[in-house]
Amino acid sequence: MKDLLEFVARQLVSDPDAVQVHEVAGQRSVVLELRVAPDDLGKVIGRQGRVAKAIRALMKAAAARDGRLVHVEIMD
């Protein structure tokens, strides 16, 4: 899942080398912390959070295949 989030984020931003994903795994859930360059933060969040919602929906669908819960946090 970490790789999927990293791939999607790298496609969205201007500085793909600055993309970092940190995974914190629990028993049934995973927290993915996404960090991007400050200039690219708006691209990842999108207008009214639409891109962020789409990323979270994609990750939830991927996690459902494994029977897990996922939370995506976008950090600045």
Protein backbone atom coordinates (compact mmCIF):
# COMPACT_ATOMS: atom_id res chain seq x y z
CA MET A 1 0.00 0.00 0.00
CA LYS A 2 2.87 2.31 0.76
CA ASP A 3 4.16 1.87 -2.79
CA LEU A 4 0.76 2.67 -4.31
CA LEU A 5 0.44 5.91 -2.35
CA GLU A 6 3.98 6.91 -3.23
CA PHE A 7 3.37 6.21 -6.94
CA VAL A 8 0.14 8.26 -7.01
CA ALA A 9 1.70 11.17 -5.13
CA ARG A 10 4.77 11.25 -7.40
CA GLN A 11 2.50 11.56 -10.44
CA LEU A 12 0.72 14.58 -8.98
CA VAL A 13 3.59 16.76 -7.76
CA SER A 14 6.23 18.89 -9.45
CA ASP A 15 9.05 17.62 -7.22
CA PRO A 16 8.66 13.82 -7.07
CA ASP A 17 11.95 13.39 -5.20
CA ALA A 18 10.49 15.18 -2.17
CA VAL A 19 7.65 12.65 -1.75
CA GLN A 20 7.98 10.56 1.41
CA VAL A 21 5.56 7.98 2.76
CA HIS A 22 5.90 6.66 6.29
CA GLU A 23 3.86 3.61 7.26
CA VAL A 24 2.72 2.92 10.82
CA ALA A 25 1.16 -0.54 11.00
CA GLY A 26 -1.26 -1.70 13.64
CA GLN A 27 -3.02 -5.03 14.07
CA ARG A 28 -5.86 -4.36 11.63
CA SER A 29 -5.12 -0.86 10.44
CA VAL A 30 -2.37 1.11 8.74
CA VAL A 31 -1.61 4.82 8.99
CA LEU A 32 0.18 6.25 5.97
CA GLU A 33 1.80 9.65 6.45
CA LEU A 34 2.42 11.46 3.16
CA ARG A 35 4.95 14.28 3.03
CA VAL A 36 5.50 16.45 -0.05
CA ALA A 37 7.34 19.68 -0.79
CA PRO A 38 5.54 22.79 0.56
CA ASP A 39 4.93 24.06 -2.98
CA ASP A 40 3.19 20.80 -3.94
CA LEU A 41 0.89 20.58 -0.93
CA GLY A 42 -1.96 22.29 -2.79
CA LYS A 43 -1.68 19.84 -5.68
CA VAL A 44 -2.05 16.87 -3.37
CA ILE A 45 -4.97 18.37 -1.46
CA GLY A 46 -6.80 19.87 -4.43
CA ARG A 47 -9.71 22.26 -4.49
CA GLN A 48 -11.89 21.75 -1.44
CA GLY A 49 -9.91 18.58 -0.73
CA ARG A 50 -11.16 16.68 -3.76
CA VAL A 51 -7.80 15.16 -4.69
CA ALA A 52 -7.12 14.18 -1.08
CA LYS A 53 -10.54 12.51 -0.87
CA ALA A 54 -9.86 10.62 -4.10
CA ILE A 55 -6.47 9.44 -2.81
CA ARG A 56 -8.06 8.28 0.45
CA ALA A 57 -10.83 6.44 -1.44
CA LEU A 58 -8.27 4.69 -3.64
CA MET A 59 -6.24 3.62 -0.64
CA LYS A 60 -9.34 2.37 1.21
CA ALA A 61 -10.27 0.25 -1.81
CA ALA A 62 -6.76 -1.22 -1.96
CA ALA A 63 -6.80 -1.93 1.78
CA ALA A 64 -10.22 -3.57 1.61
CA ARG A 65 -8.75 -6.25 -0.66
CA ASP A 66 -6.42 -7.17 2.22
CA GLY A 67 -9.14 -6.90 4.86
CA ARG A 68 -7.44 -3.94 6.55
CA LEU A 69 -8.28 -0.34 7.37
CA VAL A 70 -6.10 2.51 6.12
CA HIS A 71 -5.83 6.15 7.15
CA VAL A 72 -3.95 8.62 4.95
CA GLU A 73 -2.56 11.71 6.65
CA ILE A 74 -1.13 14.49 4.50
CA MET A 75 1.64 16.23 6.40
CA ASP A 76 3.27 19.55 5.62
